[in-house]
Amino acid sequence: MRIDGHIAEALSRPALLRATDDRYLLRFESMKVASARAALRAALDAGRVRPGGTVIDSSSGIYAYALALACHEAGVRCRIVGSTTIDEGLRVQLLALGVELEQMPPSASLKLDQDRRVRRITELLAQDPSLHWMRQYHDPVHYLGYRDIARGVAAELAAEGVAAVRLVAPVGSGVSSGALRLGFEEAGLAVELVGVQPFGSVTFGAEHVEDPAMLIAGIGSSIPFDNVRHGLYDVIHWVSFEVARAGTHRLLREAALFAGLSSGAGQVAAGYERQHGTSVDATVQVLPDTGHRYLRALADHVDTAEPVGPRLVDDPAEIALPWSRMRWSGRSGA
């Protein structure tokens, strides 16, 4: 058994699970720990951050926890401008880890929440130029933490005779899905990347369709992210909150995994692609986190039914609730 020096190191390693003969689940307890650790180490090595210095960033939850752990491990102070969606359990953990947390008050829209967080970061940087902004949405250094993971997973798949893989992943900052694809390809696998988005996100042109119940924090965006490399994506699924919730319950029933809503959205997309998508040797679905932060929403509707299939479109202008699919085919942007 490997002995780790810090819990952040242990959480950086996902579990690779076999769901069926040709379907694998890449399950993270908290996905962005690997990314935050690698990005902070690069900043320390380059002298942009010094031990005892302070880093700052915006987060809806997962990255806040990841950066807090990375800072605790490295002896760096951490400030977070947090989303209104950060729940009490996470808030308690962040404060115990020494994070200076400024949480946005409730708003009518998660879009407004995200915009306010970014503006607040800008204000704080103007007040204290010594702060180092980690820029999880824009700095490509965050790709580093997933490349070794991808190469390790690719080696396991290759040992089982897999040469062509479908990677199904939620798209938030674009880092994990993009880096995993690049890492798989560097290891010699042929890759089709299926990205999963909520309605209302600008990332792949869905800002004109609002999901009234959208609570899938951490994926999609109300502002453009430089770390999203649109040309890496072959297929995009836009999934509503209701459809994602149904997928989350199915994931628990079928694989005994209590995962978040973005994983539920991916579960629905992966199931469709295995039945109707291009032929590959295996499907790998990314599960970014657990379902605890969505417990109330998930508990309210245990028997939510999934729709038969998505609306098939050729342009983002044609998408509609509750679920749409488009062959993106490496287009350069939304």
C-alpha atoms as a PDB file:
ATOM      1  CA  MET A   1       0.000   0.000   0.000  1.00  0.00           C
ATOM      2  CA  ARG A   2       1.249   3.469  -0.876  1.00  0.00           C
ATOM      3  CA  ILE A   3       1.788   5.923   1.994  1.00  0.00           C
ATOM      4  CA  ASP A   4       0.807   9.502   1.159  1.00  0.00           C
ATOM      5  CA  GLY A   5       2.160  12.531   2.949  1.00  0.00           C
ATOM      6  CA  HIS A   6      -1.046  14.570   2.689  1.00  0.00           C
ATOM      7  CA  ILE A   7      -4.712  13.872   1.965  1.00  0.00           C
ATOM      8  CA  ALA A   8      -4.445  16.072  -1.136  1.00  0.00           C
ATOM      9  CA  GLU A   9      -2.047  13.557  -2.636  1.00  0.00           C
ATOM     10  CA  ALA A  10      -4.468  10.692  -2.031  1.00  0.00           C
ATOM     11  CA  LEU A  11      -7.442  12.602  -3.436  1.00  0.00           C
ATOM     12  CA  SER A  12      -5.477  13.407  -6.594  1.00  0.00           C
ATOM     13  CA  ARG A  13      -5.785   9.780  -7.689  1.00  0.00           C
ATOM     14  CA  PRO A  14      -9.160   8.693  -9.105  1.00  0.00           C
ATOM     15  CA  ALA A  15     -10.540   5.170  -9.094  1.00  0.00           C
ATOM     16  CA  LEU A  16     -10.931   3.429 -12.453  1.00  0.00           C
ATOM     17  CA  LEU A  17     -13.963   1.148 -12.243  1.00  0.00           C
ATOM     18  CA  ARG A  18     -15.349  -1.338 -14.742  1.00  0.00           C
ATOM     19  CA  ALA A  19     -19.102  -0.859 -15.188  1.00  0.00           C
ATOM     20  CA  THR A  20     -19.489  -3.335 -18.090  1.00  0.00           C
ATOM     21  CA  ASP A  21     -17.112  -5.096 -20.457  1.00  0.00           C
ATOM     22  CA  ASP A  22     -16.725  -1.963 -22.594  1.00  0.00           C
ATOM     23  CA  ARG A  23     -17.581   0.815 -20.132  1.00  0.00           C
ATOM     24  CA  TYR A  24     -15.373   2.325 -17.439  1.00  0.00           C
ATOM     25  CA  LEU A  25     -16.003   4.956 -14.777  1.00  0.00           C
ATOM     26  CA  LEU A  26     -13.214   7.348 -13.783  1.00  0.00           C
ATOM     27  CA  ARG A  27     -14.423   8.302 -10.326  1.00  0.00           C
ATOM     28  CA  PHE A  28     -12.992  11.242  -8.381  1.00  0.00           C
ATOM     29  CA  GLU A  29     -13.955  12.095  -4.839  1.00  0.00           C
ATOM     30  CA  SER A  30     -13.055  15.699  -5.618  1.00  0.00           C
ATOM     31  CA  MET A  31     -11.684  16.039  -9.127  1.00  0.00           C
ATOM     32  CA  LYS A  32      -9.897  19.388  -9.096  1.00  0.00           C
ATOM     33  CA  VAL A  33      -7.428  18.470  -6.347  1.00  0.00           C
ATOM     34  CA  ALA A  34      -5.035  17.085  -8.966  1.00  0.00           C
ATOM     35  CA  SER A  35      -5.318  20.252 -11.037  1.00  0.00           C
ATOM     36  CA  ALA A  36      -4.951  22.671  -8.115  1.00  0.00           C
ATOM     37  CA  ARG A  37      -1.901  20.856  -6.715  1.00  0.00           C
ATOM     38  CA  ALA A  38      -0.077  20.864 -10.049  1.00  0.00           C
ATOM     39  CA  ALA A  39      -0.937  24.506 -10.769  1.00  0.00           C
ATOM     40  CA  LEU A  40       0.158  25.682  -7.327  1.00  0.00           C
ATOM     41  CA  ARG A  41       3.394  23.681  -7.519  1.00  0.00           C
ATOM     42  CA  ALA A  42       4.158  25.283 -10.898  1.00  0.00           C
ATOM     43  CA  ALA A  43       3.535  28.761  -9.433  1.00  0.00           C
ATOM     44  CA  LEU A  44       5.812  28.003  -6.474  1.00  0.00           C
ATOM     45  CA  ASP A  45       8.552  26.587  -8.692  1.00  0.00           C
ATOM     46  CA  ALA A  46       8.413  29.670 -10.934  1.00  0.00           C
ATOM     47  CA  GLY A  47       8.535  32.057  -7.966  1.00  0.00           C
ATOM     48  CA  ARG A  48       5.141  33.581  -8.710  1.00  0.00           C
ATOM     49  CA  VAL A  49       4.031  32.378  -5.276  1.00  0.00           C
ATOM     50  CA  ARG A  50       6.275  32.060  -2.243  1.00  0.00           C
ATOM     51  CA  PRO A  51       5.714  29.837   0.812  1.00  0.00           C
ATOM     52  CA  GLY A  52       3.537  31.811   3.191  1.00  0.00           C
ATOM     53  CA  GLY A  53       2.157  33.930   0.343  1.00  0.00           C
ATOM     54  CA  THR A  54      -1.505  34.156  -0.605  1.00  0.00           C
ATOM     55  CA  VAL A  55      -3.377  32.866  -3.633  1.00  0.00           C
ATOM     56  CA  ILE A  56      -6.919  33.753  -4.608  1.00  0.00           C
ATOM     57  CA  ASP A  57      -9.582  32.426  -6.939  1.00  0.00           C
ATOM     58  CA  SER A  58     -13.307  32.133  -7.570  1.00  0.00           C
ATOM     59  CA  SER A  59     -15.172  28.851  -7.177  1.00  0.00           C
ATOM     60  CA  SER A  60     -18.593  27.242  -6.977  1.00  0.00           C
ATOM     61  CA  GLY A  61     -17.227  24.633  -4.589  1.00  0.00           C
ATOM     62  CA  ILE A  62     -15.041  21.846  -5.974  1.00  0.00           C
ATOM     63  CA  TYR A  63     -12.081  24.040  -6.868  1.00  0.00           C
ATOM     64  CA  ALA A  64     -12.347  25.925  -3.560  1.00  0.00           C
ATOM     65  CA  TYR A  65     -11.876  22.675  -1.665  1.00  0.00           C
ATOM     66  CA  ALA A  66      -9.112  21.534  -4.008  1.00  0.00           C
ATOM     67  CA  LEU A  67      -7.163  24.781  -3.724  1.00  0.00           C
ATOM     68  CA  ALA A  68      -7.615  24.838   0.053  1.00  0.00           C
ATOM     69  CA  LEU A  69      -6.077  21.367   0.299  1.00  0.00           C
ATOM     70  CA  ALA A  70      -3.233  22.262  -2.056  1.00  0.00           C
ATOM     71  CA  CYS A  71      -2.458  25.402  -0.038  1.00  0.00           C
ATOM     72  CA  HIS A  72      -2.593  23.499   3.247  1.00  0.00           C
ATOM     73  CA  GLU A  73      -0.117  20.984   1.857  1.00  0.00           C
ATOM     74  CA  ALA A  74       2.234  23.650   0.479  1.00  0.00           C
ATOM     75  CA  GLY A  75       2.089  26.147   3.356  1.00  0.00           C
ATOM     76  CA  VAL A  76       0.386  28.852   1.297  1.00  0.00           C
ATOM     77  CA  ARG A  77      -2.536  31.025   2.388  1.00  0.00           C
ATOM     78  CA  CYS A  78      -5.783  30.814   0.450  1.00  0.00           C
ATOM     79  CA  ARG A  79      -8.590  33.257  -0.313  1.00  0.00           C
ATOM     80  CA  ILE A  80     -11.765  32.189  -2.083  1.00  0.00           C
ATOM     81  CA  VAL A  81     -14.574  34.264  -3.532  1.00  0.00           C
ATOM     82  CA  GLY A  82     -17.217  31.583  -3.350  1.00  0.00           C
ATOM     83  CA  SER A  83     -20.519  30.925  -5.043  1.00  0.00           C
ATOM     84  CA  THR A  84     -23.816  31.127  -3.246  1.00  0.00           C
ATOM     85  CA  THR A  85     -24.032  27.348  -3.898  1.00  0.00           C
ATOM     86  CA  ILE A  86     -21.278  26.541  -1.361  1.00  0.00           C
ATOM     87  CA  ASP A  87     -23.129  24.621   1.330  1.00  0.00           C
ATOM     88  CA  GLU A  88     -22.589  24.605   5.069  1.00  0.00           C
ATOM     89  CA  GLY A  89     -20.561  21.376   5.080  1.00  0.00           C
ATOM     90  CA  LEU A  90     -18.033  22.747   2.615  1.00  0.00           C
ATOM     91  CA  ARG A  91     -17.989  26.152   4.269  1.00  0.00           C
ATOM     92  CA  VAL A  92     -17.031  24.576   7.603  1.00  0.00           C
ATOM     93  CA  GLN A  93     -14.222  22.604   5.947  1.00  0.00           C
ATOM     94  CA  LEU A  94     -12.840  25.644   4.130  1.00  0.00           C
ATOM     95  CA  LEU A  95     -12.765  27.739   7.287  1.00  0.00           C
ATOM     96  CA  ALA A  96     -11.104  24.912   9.251  1.00  0.00           C
ATOM     97  CA  LEU A  97      -8.434  24.708   6.532  1.00  0.00           C
ATOM     98  CA  GLY A  98      -7.656  28.384   7.078  1.00  0.00           C
ATOM     99  CA  VAL A  99      -9.353  29.736   3.960  1.00  0.00           C
ATOM    100  CA  GLU A 100     -10.440  33.364   3.949  1.00  0.00           C
ATOM    101  CA  LEU A 101     -13.840  32.831   2.379  1.00  0.00           C
ATOM    102  CA  GLU A 102     -16.037  35.547   0.941  1.00  0.00           C
ATOM    103  CA  GLN A 103     -19.269  33.958  -0.218  1.00  0.00           C
ATOM    104  CA  MET A 104     -21.638  35.700  -2.600  1.00  0.00           C
ATOM    105  CA  PRO A 105     -25.169  36.321  -1.289  1.00  0.00           C
ATOM    106  CA  PRO A 106     -28.070  34.477  -2.949  1.00  0.00           C
ATOM    107  CA  SER A 107     -29.022  35.719  -6.406  1.00  0.00           C
ATOM    108  CA  ALA A 108     -31.768  35.048  -8.911  1.00  0.00           C
ATOM    109  CA  SER A 109     -29.327  33.369 -11.297  1.00  0.00           C
ATOM    110  CA  LEU A 110     -26.085  31.414 -11.127  1.00  0.00           C
ATOM    111  CA  LYS A 111     -24.979  33.547 -14.086  1.00  0.00           C
ATOM    112  CA  LEU A 112     -25.194  36.660 -11.926  1.00  0.00           C
ATOM    113  CA  ASP A 113     -23.369  34.804  -9.166  1.00  0.00           C
ATOM    114  CA  GLN A 114     -20.458  33.964 -11.464  1.00  0.00           C
ATOM    115  CA  ASP A 115     -20.177  37.473 -12.876  1.00  0.00           C
ATOM    116  CA  ARG A 116     -20.147  38.978  -9.389  1.00  0.00           C
ATOM    117  CA  ARG A 117     -17.410  36.623  -8.231  1.00  0.00           C
ATOM    118  CA  VAL A 118     -15.110  37.561 -11.096  1.00  0.00           C
ATOM    119  CA  ARG A 119     -15.710  41.269 -10.539  1.00  0.00           C
ATOM    120  CA  ARG A 120     -14.945  40.863  -6.847  1.00  0.00           C
ATOM    121  CA  ILE A 121     -11.654  39.105  -7.633  1.00  0.00           C
ATOM    122  CA  THR A 122     -10.661  42.095  -9.783  1.00  0.00           C
ATOM    123  CA  GLU A 123     -11.472  44.497  -6.940  1.00  0.00           C
ATOM    124  CA  LEU A 124      -9.403  42.512  -4.422  1.00  0.00           C
ATOM    125  CA  LEU A 125      -6.412  42.312  -6.777  1.00  0.00           C
ATOM    126  CA  ALA A 126      -6.512  46.094  -7.180  1.00  0.00           C
ATOM    127  CA  GLN A 127      -6.518  46.486  -3.395  1.00  0.00           C
ATOM    128  CA  ASP A 128      -3.686  43.986  -2.816  1.00  0.00           C
ATOM    129  CA  PRO A 129      -1.357  43.362  -5.800  1.00  0.00           C
ATOM    130  CA  SER A 130       0.597  40.765  -3.779  1.00  0.00           C
ATOM    131  CA  LEU A 131      -2.250  38.291  -4.229  1.00  0.00           C
ATOM    132  CA  HIS A 132      -1.646  35.629  -6.876  1.00  0.00           C
ATOM    133  CA  TRP A 133      -4.767  34.869  -8.913  1.00  0.00           C
ATOM    134  CA  MET A 134      -4.785  31.170  -9.820  1.00  0.00           C
ATOM    135  CA  ARG A 135      -7.132  31.794 -12.781  1.00  0.00           C
ATOM    136  CA  GLN A 136      -8.528  28.288 -12.972  1.00  0.00           C
ATOM    137  CA  TYR A 137     -10.713  29.291 -15.924  1.00  0.00           C
ATOM    138  CA  HIS A 138      -7.968  30.825 -18.049  1.00  0.00           C
ATOM    139  CA  ASP A 139      -4.462  29.627 -17.112  1.00  0.00           C
ATOM    140  CA  PRO A 140      -3.485  26.468 -19.062  1.00  0.00           C
ATOM    141  CA  VAL A 141      -1.193  25.427 -16.201  1.00  0.00           C
ATOM    142  CA  HIS A 142      -4.278  23.691 -14.781  1.00  0.00           C
ATOM    143  CA  TYR A 143      -4.040  21.099 -17.551  1.00  0.00           C
ATOM    144  CA  LEU A 144      -0.893  19.674 -15.960  1.00  0.00           C
ATOM    145  CA  GLY A 145      -2.515  17.754 -13.129  1.00  0.00           C
ATOM    146  CA  TYR A 146      -4.606  15.506 -15.386  1.00  0.00           C
ATOM    147  CA  ARG A 147      -2.013  14.480 -17.943  1.00  0.00           C
ATOM    148  CA  ASP A 148      -0.341  11.864 -15.692  1.00  0.00           C
ATOM    149  CA  ILE A 149      -3.781  10.543 -14.728  1.00  0.00           C
ATOM    150  CA  ALA A 150      -4.677  10.186 -18.400  1.00  0.00           C
ATOM    151  CA  ARG A 151      -1.474   8.334 -19.221  1.00  0.00           C
ATOM    152  CA  GLY A 152      -2.033   5.932 -16.319  1.00  0.00           C
ATOM    153  CA  VAL A 153      -5.622   5.213 -17.350  1.00  0.00           C
ATOM    154  CA  ALA A 154      -4.560   4.793 -20.976  1.00  0.00           C
ATOM    155  CA  ALA A 155      -1.983   2.210 -19.957  1.00  0.00           C
ATOM    156  CA  GLU A 156      -4.656   0.204 -18.114  1.00  0.00           C
ATOM    157  CA  LEU A 157      -6.983   0.357 -21.098  1.00  0.00           C
ATOM    158  CA  ALA A 158      -4.269  -0.578 -23.578  1.00  0.00           C
ATOM    159  CA  ALA A 159      -3.452  -3.632 -21.451  1.00  0.00           C
ATOM    160  CA  GLU A 160      -7.040  -4.758 -22.037  1.00  0.00           C
ATOM    161  CA  GLY A 161      -6.787  -4.307 -25.794  1.00  0.00           C
ATOM    162  CA  VAL A 162      -8.499  -0.919 -26.012  1.00  0.00           C
ATOM    163  CA  ALA A 163      -7.214   1.198 -28.899  1.00  0.00           C
ATOM    164  CA  ALA A 164     -10.145   3.584 -29.479  1.00  0.00           C
ATOM    165  CA  VAL A 165     -12.023   5.187 -26.595  1.00  0.00           C
ATOM    166  CA  ARG A 166     -15.011   7.467 -26.122  1.00  0.00           C
ATOM    167  CA  LEU A 167     -14.392   9.925 -23.283  1.00  0.00           C
ATOM    168  CA  VAL A 168     -17.591  11.370 -21.761  1.00  0.00           C
ATOM    169  CA  ALA A 169     -16.973  14.317 -19.459  1.00  0.00           C
ATOM    170  CA  PRO A 170     -18.767  17.357 -18.013  1.00  0.00           C
ATOM    171  CA  VAL A 171     -17.291  20.625 -19.297  1.00  0.00           C
ATOM    172  CA  GLY A 172     -16.754  23.401 -16.780  1.00  0.00           C
ATOM    173  CA  SER A 173     -13.424  25.190 -17.089  1.00  0.00           C
ATOM    174  CA  GLY A 174     -12.526  22.784 -19.909  1.00  0.00           C
ATOM    175  CA  VAL A 175      -9.362  21.606 -18.177  1.00  0.00           C
ATOM    176  CA  SER A 176     -10.153  18.049 -17.102  1.00  0.00           C
ATOM    177  CA  SER A 177     -11.911  16.939 -20.286  1.00  0.00           C
ATOM    178  CA  GLY A 178      -9.337  18.584 -22.551  1.00  0.00           C
ATOM    179  CA  ALA A 179      -6.315  17.351 -20.622  1.00  0.00           C
ATOM    180  CA  LEU A 180      -7.637  13.798 -20.380  1.00  0.00           C
ATOM    181  CA  ARG A 181      -8.169  13.689 -24.127  1.00  0.00           C
ATOM    182  CA  LEU A 182      -4.685  15.022 -24.806  1.00  0.00           C
ATOM    183  CA  GLY A 183      -3.159  12.567 -22.345  1.00  0.00           C
ATOM    184  CA  PHE A 184      -5.002   9.624 -23.886  1.00  0.00           C
ATOM    185  CA  GLU A 185      -3.798  10.640 -27.331  1.00  0.00           C
ATOM    186  CA  GLU A 186      -0.221  11.071 -26.130  1.00  0.00           C
ATOM    187  CA  ALA A 187      -0.430   7.483 -24.888  1.00  0.00           C
ATOM    188  CA  GLY A 188      -1.483   6.289 -28.340  1.00  0.00           C
ATOM    189  CA  LEU A 189      -5.268   5.951 -27.977  1.00  0.00           C
ATOM    190  CA  ALA A 190      -7.729   7.206 -30.577  1.00  0.00           C
ATOM    191  CA  VAL A 191     -10.208   9.434 -28.729  1.00  0.00           C
ATOM    192  CA  GLU A 192     -13.716  10.756 -29.291  1.00  0.00           C
ATOM    193  CA  LEU A 193     -14.532  13.434 -26.705  1.00  0.00           C
ATOM    194  CA  VAL A 194     -18.178  13.870 -25.688  1.00  0.00           C
ATOM    195  CA  GLY A 195     -18.729  17.019 -23.642  1.00  0.00           C
ATOM    196  CA  VAL A 196     -21.697  17.533 -21.319  1.00  0.00           C
ATOM    197  CA  GLN A 197     -23.175  20.991 -20.700  1.00  0.00           C
ATOM    198  CA  PRO A 198     -26.138  22.585 -18.908  1.00  0.00           C
ATOM    199  CA  PHE A 199     -28.566  24.826 -20.742  1.00  0.00           C
ATOM    200  CA  GLY A 200     -27.857  28.531 -20.337  1.00  0.00           C
ATOM    201  CA  SER A 201     -24.092  28.166 -20.711  1.00  0.00           C
ATOM    202  CA  VAL A 202     -22.214  30.347 -23.206  1.00  0.00           C
ATOM    203  CA  THR A 203     -19.410  27.800 -23.624  1.00  0.00           C
ATOM    204  CA  PHE A 204     -21.028  25.957 -26.528  1.00  0.00           C
ATOM    205  CA  GLY A 205     -23.683  28.497 -27.473  1.00  0.00           C
ATOM    206  CA  ALA A 206     -26.591  27.547 -25.190  1.00  0.00           C
ATOM    207  CA  GLU A 207     -27.080  30.905 -23.484  1.00  0.00           C
ATOM    208  CA  HIS A 208     -30.413  31.471 -25.263  1.00  0.00           C
ATOM    209  CA  VAL A 209     -32.108  28.488 -23.521  1.00  0.00           C
ATOM    210  CA  GLU A 210     -32.674  28.792 -19.791  1.00  0.00           C
ATOM    211  CA  ASP A 211     -33.262  25.846 -17.470  1.00  0.00           C
ATOM    212  CA  PRO A 212     -35.492  27.153 -14.650  1.00  0.00           C
ATOM    213  CA  ALA A 213     -34.264  24.462 -12.257  1.00  0.00           C
ATOM    214  CA  MET A 214     -30.578  24.610 -13.220  1.00  0.00           C
ATOM    215  CA  LEU A 215     -28.526  23.733 -10.146  1.00  0.00           C
ATOM    216  CA  ILE A 216     -25.581  21.966 -11.793  1.00  0.00           C
ATOM    217  CA  ALA A 217     -22.872  24.153 -10.298  1.00  0.00           C
ATOM    218  CA  GLY A 218     -19.387  23.672 -11.675  1.00  0.00           C
ATOM    219  CA  ILE A 219     -20.230  22.996 -15.324  1.00  0.00           C
ATOM    220  CA  GLY A 220     -21.099  25.486 -18.006  1.00  0.00           C
ATOM    221  CA  SER A 221     -20.408  29.185 -17.736  1.00  0.00           C
ATOM    222  CA  SER A 222     -21.938  32.630 -18.132  1.00  0.00           C
ATOM    223  CA  ILE A 223     -18.591  33.997 -19.360  1.00  0.00           C
ATOM    224  CA  PRO A 224     -16.062  32.665 -21.922  1.00  0.00           C
ATOM    225  CA  PHE A 225     -13.289  30.466 -20.499  1.00  0.00           C
ATOM    226  CA  ASP A 226      -9.902  30.516 -22.220  1.00  0.00           C
ATOM    227  CA  ASN A 227      -9.189  26.980 -20.979  1.00  0.00           C
ATOM    228  CA  VAL A 228     -12.001  25.528 -23.095  1.00  0.00           C
ATOM    229  CA  ARG A 229     -10.366  24.346 -26.339  1.00  0.00           C
ATOM    230  CA  HIS A 230     -13.437  23.885 -28.491  1.00  0.00           C
ATOM    231  CA  GLY A 231     -11.560  22.025 -31.190  1.00  0.00           C
ATOM    232  CA  LEU A 232     -11.042  19.049 -28.864  1.00  0.00           C
ATOM    233  CA  TYR A 233     -14.761  18.170 -28.687  1.00  0.00           C
ATOM    234  CA  ASP A 234     -16.526  15.826 -31.086  1.00  0.00           C
ATOM    235  CA  VAL A 235     -20.024  15.694 -29.573  1.00  0.00           C
ATOM    236  CA  ILE A 236     -21.888  17.961 -27.144  1.00  0.00           C
ATOM    237  CA  HIS A 237     -24.898  17.040 -25.012  1.00  0.00           C
ATOM    238  CA  TRP A 238     -26.926  19.782 -23.312  1.00  0.00           C
ATOM    239  CA  VAL A 239     -28.711  18.256 -20.329  1.00  0.00           C
ATOM    240  CA  SER A 240     -31.342  19.790 -18.052  1.00  0.00           C
ATOM    241  CA  PHE A 241     -31.383  19.553 -14.285  1.00  0.00           C
ATOM    242  CA  GLU A 242     -34.279  17.075 -14.381  1.00  0.00           C
ATOM    243  CA  VAL A 243     -32.503  14.778 -16.832  1.00  0.00           C
ATOM    244  CA  ALA A 244     -29.240  15.002 -14.869  1.00  0.00           C
ATOM    245  CA  ARG A 245     -31.057  14.122 -11.651  1.00  0.00           C
ATOM    246  CA  ALA A 246     -32.581  11.043 -13.288  1.00  0.00           C
ATOM    247  CA  GLY A 247     -29.127  10.002 -14.474  1.00  0.00           C
ATOM    248  CA  THR A 248     -27.685  10.466 -10.995  1.00  0.00           C
ATOM    249  CA  HIS A 249     -30.271   8.094  -9.543  1.00  0.00           C
ATOM    250  CA  ARG A 250     -29.592   5.557 -12.307  1.00  0.00           C
ATOM    251  CA  LEU A 251     -25.857   5.731 -11.619  1.00  0.00           C
ATOM    252  CA  LEU A 252     -26.519   4.928  -7.964  1.00  0.00           C
ATOM    253  CA  ARG A 253     -28.845   2.035  -8.795  1.00  0.00           C
ATOM    254  CA  GLU A 254     -26.636   0.488 -11.466  1.00  0.00           C
ATOM    255  CA  ALA A 255     -23.096   1.166 -10.220  1.00  0.00           C
ATOM    256  CA  ALA A 256     -23.671   1.854  -6.494  1.00  0.00           C
ATOM    257  CA  LEU A 257     -22.011   5.259  -6.898  1.00  0.00           C
ATOM    258  CA  PHE A 258     -23.451   8.340  -5.189  1.00  0.00           C
ATOM    259  CA  ALA A 259     -22.188  11.042  -7.523  1.00  0.00           C
ATOM    260  CA  GLY A 260     -23.047  14.653  -8.348  1.00  0.00           C
ATOM    261  CA  LEU A 261     -25.458  16.014 -10.917  1.00  0.00           C
ATOM    262  CA  SER A 262     -22.770  16.524 -13.546  1.00  0.00           C
ATOM    263  CA  SER A 263     -22.031  12.798 -13.279  1.00  0.00           C
ATOM    264  CA  GLY A 264     -25.731  12.085 -13.716  1.00  0.00           C
ATOM    265  CA  ALA A 265     -25.765  14.206 -16.848  1.00  0.00           C
ATOM    266  CA  GLY A 266     -22.760  12.281 -18.117  1.00  0.00           C
ATOM    267  CA  GLN A 267     -24.464   8.983 -17.319  1.00  0.00           C
ATOM    268  CA  VAL A 268     -27.360   9.862 -19.614  1.00  0.00           C
ATOM    269  CA  ALA A 269     -25.065  11.070 -22.396  1.00  0.00           C
ATOM    270  CA  ALA A 270     -22.783   8.026 -22.134  1.00  0.00           C
ATOM    271  CA  GLY A 271     -25.749   5.658 -22.308  1.00  0.00           C
ATOM    272  CA  TYR A 272     -27.021   7.294 -25.469  1.00  0.00           C
ATOM    273  CA  GLU A 273     -23.615   7.342 -27.159  1.00  0.00           C
ATOM    274  CA  ARG A 274     -23.013   3.650 -26.450  1.00  0.00           C
ATOM    275  CA  GLN A 275     -26.291   2.835 -28.224  1.00  0.00           C
ATOM    276  CA  HIS A 276     -26.232   5.374 -31.041  1.00  0.00           C
ATOM    277  CA  GLY A 277     -22.743   6.892 -31.301  1.00  0.00           C
ATOM    278  CA  THR A 278     -19.695   5.946 -33.307  1.00  0.00           C
ATOM    279  CA  SER A 279     -18.042   2.572 -32.811  1.00  0.00           C
ATOM    280  CA  VAL A 280     -15.233   2.486 -30.223  1.00  0.00           C
ATOM    281  CA  ASP A 281     -13.583  -0.180 -28.093  1.00  0.00           C
ATOM    282  CA  ALA A 282     -14.591   1.365 -24.764  1.00  0.00           C
ATOM    283  CA  THR A 283     -16.347   4.297 -23.109  1.00  0.00           C
ATOM    284  CA  VAL A 284     -14.747   6.129 -20.180  1.00  0.00           C
ATOM    285  CA  GLN A 285     -17.088   8.366 -18.201  1.00  0.00           C
ATOM    286  CA  VAL A 286     -15.671  11.002 -15.838  1.00  0.00           C
ATOM    287  CA  LEU A 287     -17.390  11.366 -12.453  1.00  0.00           C
ATOM    288  CA  PRO A 288     -16.063  14.601 -10.902  1.00  0.00           C
ATOM    289  CA  ASP A 289     -17.432  14.454  -7.337  1.00  0.00           C
ATOM    290  CA  THR A 290     -19.869  12.898  -4.879  1.00  0.00           C
ATOM    291  CA  GLY A 291     -23.547  13.767  -4.598  1.00  0.00           C
ATOM    292  CA  HIS A 292     -23.509  15.168  -1.084  1.00  0.00           C
ATOM    293  CA  ARG A 293     -23.747  18.827  -2.085  1.00  0.00           C
ATOM    294  CA  TYR A 294     -26.936  18.013  -4.026  1.00  0.00           C
ATOM    295  CA  LEU A 295     -28.477  15.800  -1.367  1.00  0.00           C
ATOM    296  CA  ARG A 296     -31.659  17.827  -0.903  1.00  0.00           C
ATOM    297  CA  ALA A 297     -32.377  18.076  -4.623  1.00  0.00           C
ATOM    298  CA  LEU A 298     -31.640  14.392  -5.185  1.00  0.00           C
ATOM    299  CA  ALA A 299     -33.727  13.214  -2.241  1.00  0.00           C
ATOM    300  CA  ASP A 300     -36.828  15.089  -3.367  1.00  0.00           C
ATOM    301  CA  HIS A 301     -37.358  12.972  -6.492  1.00  0.00           C
ATOM    302  CA  VAL A 302     -36.150   9.386  -6.280  1.00  0.00           C
ATOM    303  CA  ASP A 303     -38.186   8.036  -9.207  1.00  0.00           C
ATOM    304  CA  THR A 304     -37.519  10.714 -11.827  1.00  0.00           C
ATOM    305  CA  ALA A 305     -37.967   9.230 -15.314  1.00  0.00           C
ATOM    306  CA  GLU A 306     -35.436   9.849 -18.073  1.00  0.00           C
ATOM    307  CA  PRO A 307     -36.544  11.007 -21.528  1.00  0.00           C
ATOM    308  CA  VAL A 308     -36.310   8.499 -24.354  1.00  0.00           C
ATOM    309  CA  GLY A 309     -33.528  10.392 -26.100  1.00  0.00           C
ATOM    310  CA  PRO A 310     -32.132  13.817 -26.995  1.00  0.00           C
ATOM    311  CA  ARG A 311     -33.256  16.279 -29.613  1.00  0.00           C
ATOM    312  CA  LEU A 312     -30.707  15.926 -32.442  1.00  0.00           C
ATOM    313  CA  VAL A 313     -29.523  19.274 -33.795  1.00  0.00           C
ATOM    314  CA  ASP A 314     -27.001  20.611 -36.289  1.00  0.00           C
ATOM    315  CA  ASP A 315     -26.550  24.030 -34.679  1.00  0.00           C
ATOM    316  CA  PRO A 316     -26.698  25.330 -31.069  1.00  0.00           C
ATOM    317  CA  ALA A 317     -29.507  27.688 -32.159  1.00  0.00           C
ATOM    318  CA  GLU A 318     -31.756  24.607 -32.490  1.00  0.00           C
ATOM    319  CA  ILE A 319     -31.293  23.165 -28.983  1.00  0.00           C
ATOM    320  CA  ALA A 320     -34.246  22.820 -26.610  1.00  0.00           C
ATOM    321  CA  LEU A 321     -35.037  21.438 -23.173  1.00  0.00           C
ATOM    322  CA  PRO A 322     -34.811  18.913 -21.698  1.00  0.00           C
ATOM    323  CA  TRP A 323     -31.940  17.320 -23.653  1.00  0.00           C
ATOM    324  CA  SER A 324     -30.194  18.052 -26.950  1.00  0.00           C
ATOM    325  CA  ARG A 325     -27.251  16.541 -28.807  1.00  0.00           C
ATOM    326  CA  MET A 326     -25.015  17.864 -31.572  1.00  0.00           C
ATOM    327  CA  ARG A 327     -22.007  16.544 -33.433  1.00  0.00           C
ATOM    328  CA  TRP A 328     -19.604  19.385 -32.661  1.00  0.00           C
ATOM    329  CA  SER A 329     -16.835  17.904 -34.804  1.00  0.00           C
ATOM    330  CA  GLY A 330     -14.030  20.098 -33.495  1.00  0.00           C
ATOM    331  CA  ARG A 331     -15.583  23.471 -34.329  1.00  0.00           C
ATOM    332  CA  SER A 332     -13.383  26.339 -33.235  1.00  0.00           C
ATOM    333  CA  GLY A 333     -15.892  28.022 -30.926  1.00  0.00           C
ATOM    334  CA  ALA A 334     -19.479  28.727 -30.009  1.00  0.00           C
END
